[in-house]
Amino acid sequence: MKNKIVGYTTGVFDLFHIGHLNVIKKAKENCDYLIVGVTSDEQVELVKNKKVIIPFEERIEIIQSLKFVDEAVCESNTDKLEAWERLRFNRLFKGDDWKGTKKWDNYELEFSKLGVEIYYFEYTKGTSSTQLSNVLKKISLTT
């Protein structure tokens, strides 16, 4: 990947929706080679204290099948610096709902030392996997 811009973004991608697609599409527009980390079921439970609806194997297959994605990898650890050690990306992409948080302010500092740029993309308002999951729960309770 010499002289190519390698980008990296991650997500759970449970109940895949337009917000997920928007981030992946915008990420690909800003790099030559896009790696997408798909969070493992175990990490989702550990970090978000939730169970996924769509199992990891299916979620990663969905992500890998997108024309914008050059490589899909398992994110079994949500530490982006650890991911950089393995993947050596030049740009990291994240939704702007994380911008200004203590965690991401720290990432900005650490990644600037490594020459990695962080791009924040506008969060797609009105849709999220949590909202979709809540609607599905309500529907299943009424049927």
C-alpha atoms as a PDB file:
ATOM      1  CA  MET A   1       0.000   0.000   0.000  1.00  0.00           C
ATOM      2  CA  LYS A   2       2.967   2.317  -0.450  1.00  0.00           C
ATOM      3  CA  ASN A   3       1.903   5.863  -1.479  1.00  0.00           C
ATOM      4  CA  LYS A   4      -1.745   4.889  -1.115  1.00  0.00           C
ATOM      5  CA  ILE A   5      -4.032   6.364   1.481  1.00  0.00           C
ATOM      6  CA  VAL A   6      -5.360   3.539   3.640  1.00  0.00           C
ATOM      7  CA  GLY A   7      -8.537   4.353   5.531  1.00  0.00           C
ATOM      8  CA  TYR A   8     -10.138   2.612   8.478  1.00  0.00           C
ATOM      9  CA  THR A   9     -13.572   2.797   9.992  1.00  0.00           C
ATOM     10  CA  THR A  10     -15.428   0.501  12.327  1.00  0.00           C
ATOM     11  CA  GLY A  11     -18.890  -0.308  13.503  1.00  0.00           C
ATOM     12  CA  VAL A  12     -21.193  -2.948  14.809  1.00  0.00           C
ATOM     13  CA  PHE A  13     -23.337  -2.652  11.654  1.00  0.00           C
ATOM     14  CA  ASP A  14     -26.234  -4.457  13.287  1.00  0.00           C
ATOM     15  CA  LEU A  15     -29.469  -3.846  11.377  1.00  0.00           C
ATOM     16  CA  PHE A  16     -27.529  -2.231   8.530  1.00  0.00           C
ATOM     17  CA  HIS A  17     -29.060   1.108   7.516  1.00  0.00           C
ATOM     18  CA  ILE A  18     -28.415   4.244   5.458  1.00  0.00           C
ATOM     19  CA  GLY A  19     -26.318   5.860   8.206  1.00  0.00           C
ATOM     20  CA  HIS A  20     -23.877   2.947   8.028  1.00  0.00           C
ATOM     21  CA  LEU A  21     -23.760   3.186   4.259  1.00  0.00           C
ATOM     22  CA  ASN A  22     -23.185   6.953   4.385  1.00  0.00           C
ATOM     23  CA  VAL A  23     -20.126   6.615   6.636  1.00  0.00           C
ATOM     24  CA  ILE A  24     -18.621   3.802   4.557  1.00  0.00           C
ATOM     25  CA  LYS A  25     -19.283   5.606   1.282  1.00  0.00           C
ATOM     26  CA  LYS A  26     -17.789   8.895   2.547  1.00  0.00           C
ATOM     27  CA  ALA A  27     -14.794   7.036   3.961  1.00  0.00           C
ATOM     28  CA  LYS A  28     -14.080   5.423   0.589  1.00  0.00           C
ATOM     29  CA  GLU A  29     -14.288   8.858  -1.075  1.00  0.00           C
ATOM     30  CA  ASN A  30     -11.418   9.957   1.187  1.00  0.00           C
ATOM     31  CA  CYS A  31      -8.948   7.090   0.741  1.00  0.00           C
ATOM     32  CA  ASP A  32      -7.563   4.698  -1.848  1.00  0.00           C
ATOM     33  CA  TYR A  33      -8.058   1.510   0.151  1.00  0.00           C
ATOM     34  CA  LEU A  34     -10.762   1.147   2.793  1.00  0.00           C
ATOM     35  CA  ILE A  35     -10.585  -1.327   5.651  1.00  0.00           C
ATOM     36  CA  VAL A  36     -13.760  -1.718   7.697  1.00  0.00           C
ATOM     37  CA  GLY A  37     -13.648  -3.253  11.156  1.00  0.00           C
ATOM     38  CA  VAL A  38     -16.781  -5.125  12.163  1.00  0.00           C
ATOM     39  CA  THR A  39     -17.149  -5.399  15.926  1.00  0.00           C
ATOM     40  CA  SER A  40     -17.339  -8.964  17.208  1.00  0.00           C
ATOM     41  CA  ASP A  41     -20.418 -10.140  19.085  1.00  0.00           C
ATOM     42  CA  GLU A  42     -18.331 -10.483  22.269  1.00  0.00           C
ATOM     43  CA  GLN A  43     -17.039  -6.907  22.044  1.00  0.00           C
ATOM     44  CA  VAL A  44     -20.548  -5.554  21.507  1.00  0.00           C
ATOM     45  CA  GLU A  45     -21.688  -7.287  24.680  1.00  0.00           C
ATOM     46  CA  LEU A  46     -18.610  -6.132  26.597  1.00  0.00           C
ATOM     47  CA  VAL A  47     -18.568  -2.494  25.432  1.00  0.00           C
ATOM     48  CA  LYS A  48     -22.252  -1.748  24.782  1.00  0.00           C
ATOM     49  CA  ASN A  49     -23.787  -4.303  27.147  1.00  0.00           C
ATOM     50  CA  LYS A  50     -26.121  -5.388  24.318  1.00  0.00           C
ATOM     51  CA  LYS A  51     -26.697  -8.486  22.264  1.00  0.00           C
ATOM     52  CA  VAL A  52     -26.588  -8.103  18.502  1.00  0.00           C
ATOM     53  CA  ILE A  53     -29.523  -9.162  16.373  1.00  0.00           C
ATOM     54  CA  ILE A  54     -27.470 -10.098  13.303  1.00  0.00           C
ATOM     55  CA  PRO A  55     -24.560 -12.482  14.102  1.00  0.00           C
ATOM     56  CA  PHE A  56     -20.987 -11.408  13.352  1.00  0.00           C
ATOM     57  CA  GLU A  57     -20.486 -13.808  10.413  1.00  0.00           C
ATOM     58  CA  GLU A  58     -23.480 -12.299   8.606  1.00  0.00           C
ATOM     59  CA  ARG A  59     -22.580  -8.691   9.474  1.00  0.00           C
ATOM     60  CA  ILE A  60     -19.031  -9.033   8.144  1.00  0.00           C
ATOM     61  CA  GLU A  61     -20.306 -10.710   4.974  1.00  0.00           C
ATOM     62  CA  ILE A  62     -22.687  -7.790   4.380  1.00  0.00           C
ATOM     63  CA  ILE A  63     -19.872  -5.273   4.865  1.00  0.00           C
ATOM     64  CA  GLN A  64     -17.412  -7.194   2.670  1.00  0.00           C
ATOM     65  CA  SER A  65     -19.972  -7.325  -0.142  1.00  0.00           C
ATOM     66  CA  LEU A  66     -20.207  -3.525  -0.395  1.00  0.00           C
ATOM     67  CA  LYS A  67     -18.429  -2.075  -3.431  1.00  0.00           C
ATOM     68  CA  PHE A  68     -16.889   0.671  -1.261  1.00  0.00           C
ATOM     69  CA  VAL A  69     -15.112  -1.811   1.041  1.00  0.00           C
ATOM     70  CA  ASP A  70     -11.714  -3.205   0.050  1.00  0.00           C
ATOM     71  CA  GLU A  71     -11.246  -5.326   3.171  1.00  0.00           C
ATOM     72  CA  ALA A  72     -13.407  -6.240   6.157  1.00  0.00           C
ATOM     73  CA  VAL A  73     -11.751  -7.337   9.406  1.00  0.00           C
ATOM     74  CA  CYS A  74     -12.928  -8.444  12.814  1.00  0.00           C
ATOM     75  CA  GLU A  75     -12.721  -5.766  15.479  1.00  0.00           C
ATOM     76  CA  SER A  76     -12.221  -7.907  18.569  1.00  0.00           C
ATOM     77  CA  ASN A  77     -10.753  -4.985  20.498  1.00  0.00           C
ATOM     78  CA  THR A  78     -12.169  -1.467  20.192  1.00  0.00           C
ATOM     79  CA  ASP A  79      -8.808   0.231  20.828  1.00  0.00           C
ATOM     80  CA  LYS A  80      -8.083   2.111  17.586  1.00  0.00           C
ATOM     81  CA  LEU A  81      -4.367   2.426  18.409  1.00  0.00           C
ATOM     82  CA  GLU A  82      -4.147  -1.368  18.613  1.00  0.00           C
ATOM     83  CA  ALA A  83      -5.921  -1.549  15.246  1.00  0.00           C
ATOM     84  CA  TRP A  84      -3.351   0.862  13.798  1.00  0.00           C
ATOM     85  CA  GLU A  85      -0.540  -1.418  15.001  1.00  0.00           C
ATOM     86  CA  ARG A  86      -2.060  -4.255  12.948  1.00  0.00           C
ATOM     87  CA  LEU A  87      -3.355  -2.386   9.919  1.00  0.00           C
ATOM     88  CA  ARG A  88      -1.193   0.764   9.536  1.00  0.00           C
ATOM     89  CA  PHE A  89      -3.921   3.026   8.138  1.00  0.00           C
ATOM     90  CA  ASN A  90      -3.343   6.720   7.314  1.00  0.00           C
ATOM     91  CA  ARG A  91      -6.872   7.954   7.958  1.00  0.00           C
ATOM     92  CA  LEU A  92      -9.447   7.031  10.542  1.00  0.00           C
ATOM     93  CA  PHE A  93     -13.126   7.768   9.942  1.00  0.00           C
ATOM     94  CA  LYS A  94     -15.778   8.234  12.629  1.00  0.00           C
ATOM     95  CA  GLY A  95     -19.231   9.745  13.046  1.00  0.00           C
ATOM     96  CA  ASP A  96     -19.185  13.326  14.333  1.00  0.00           C
ATOM     97  CA  ASP A  97     -21.257  12.349  17.369  1.00  0.00           C
ATOM     98  CA  TRP A  98     -17.891  11.278  18.864  1.00  0.00           C
ATOM     99  CA  LYS A  99     -16.035  14.513  18.104  1.00  0.00           C
ATOM    100  CA  GLY A 100     -15.059  16.421  21.240  1.00  0.00           C
ATOM    101  CA  THR A 101     -15.384  13.454  23.590  1.00  0.00           C
ATOM    102  CA  LYS A 102     -12.506  12.773  25.958  1.00  0.00           C
ATOM    103  CA  LYS A 103     -11.794   9.425  24.288  1.00  0.00           C
ATOM    104  CA  TRP A 104     -11.602  10.886  20.777  1.00  0.00           C
ATOM    105  CA  ASP A 105      -9.709  14.006  21.866  1.00  0.00           C
ATOM    106  CA  ASN A 106      -7.084  11.575  23.160  1.00  0.00           C
ATOM    107  CA  TYR A 107      -7.134   9.611  19.902  1.00  0.00           C
ATOM    108  CA  GLU A 108      -6.629  12.864  17.978  1.00  0.00           C
ATOM    109  CA  LEU A 109      -3.534  13.617  20.058  1.00  0.00           C
ATOM    110  CA  GLU A 110      -2.065  10.121  19.796  1.00  0.00           C
ATOM    111  CA  PHE A 111      -2.800   9.665  16.105  1.00  0.00           C
ATOM    112  CA  SER A 112      -1.361  13.079  15.210  1.00  0.00           C
ATOM    113  CA  LYS A 113       1.980  11.787  16.524  1.00  0.00           C
ATOM    114  CA  LEU A 114       1.686   8.847  14.098  1.00  0.00           C
ATOM    115  CA  GLY A 115       0.697  10.993  11.103  1.00  0.00           C
ATOM    116  CA  VAL A 116      -2.832   9.585  11.046  1.00  0.00           C
ATOM    117  CA  GLU A 117      -5.648  11.981  10.173  1.00  0.00           C
ATOM    118  CA  ILE A 118      -9.065  11.607  11.781  1.00  0.00           C
ATOM    119  CA  TYR A 119     -12.062  12.545   9.659  1.00  0.00           C
ATOM    120  CA  TYR A 120     -15.452  12.995  11.298  1.00  0.00           C
ATOM    121  CA  PHE A 121     -18.553  12.555   9.183  1.00  0.00           C
ATOM    122  CA  GLU A 122     -21.968  13.977   9.932  1.00  0.00           C
ATOM    123  CA  TYR A 123     -24.117  11.599  11.931  1.00  0.00           C
ATOM    124  CA  THR A 124     -27.202  10.527   9.957  1.00  0.00           C
ATOM    125  CA  LYS A 125     -30.036  11.898  12.038  1.00  0.00           C
ATOM    126  CA  GLY A 126     -33.279  10.012  12.352  1.00  0.00           C
ATOM    127  CA  THR A 127     -31.927   6.516  11.937  1.00  0.00           C
ATOM    128  CA  SER A 128     -29.863   4.208  14.102  1.00  0.00           C
ATOM    129  CA  SER A 129     -29.669   0.530  14.895  1.00  0.00           C
ATOM    130  CA  THR A 130     -30.938   1.291  18.409  1.00  0.00           C
ATOM    131  CA  GLN A 131     -34.021   3.023  17.010  1.00  0.00           C
ATOM    132  CA  LEU A 132     -34.660   0.155  14.588  1.00  0.00           C
ATOM    133  CA  SER A 133     -34.216  -2.399  17.367  1.00  0.00           C
ATOM    134  CA  ASN A 134     -36.667  -0.536  19.605  1.00  0.00           C
ATOM    135  CA  VAL A 135     -39.276  -0.459  16.826  1.00  0.00           C
ATOM    136  CA  LEU A 136     -38.840  -4.193  16.258  1.00  0.00           C
ATOM    137  CA  LYS A 137     -39.236  -4.863  19.994  1.00  0.00           C
ATOM    138  CA  LYS A 138     -42.468  -2.840  20.083  1.00  0.00           C
ATOM    139  CA  ILE A 139     -43.809  -4.706  17.061  1.00  0.00           C
ATOM    140  CA  SER A 140     -42.966  -8.102  18.567  1.00  0.00           C
ATOM    141  CA  LEU A 141     -44.696  -7.132  21.828  1.00  0.00           C
ATOM    142  CA  THR A 142     -47.908  -6.229  20.021  1.00  0.00           C
ATOM    143  CA  THR A 143     -48.089  -9.336  17.841  1.00  0.00           C
END
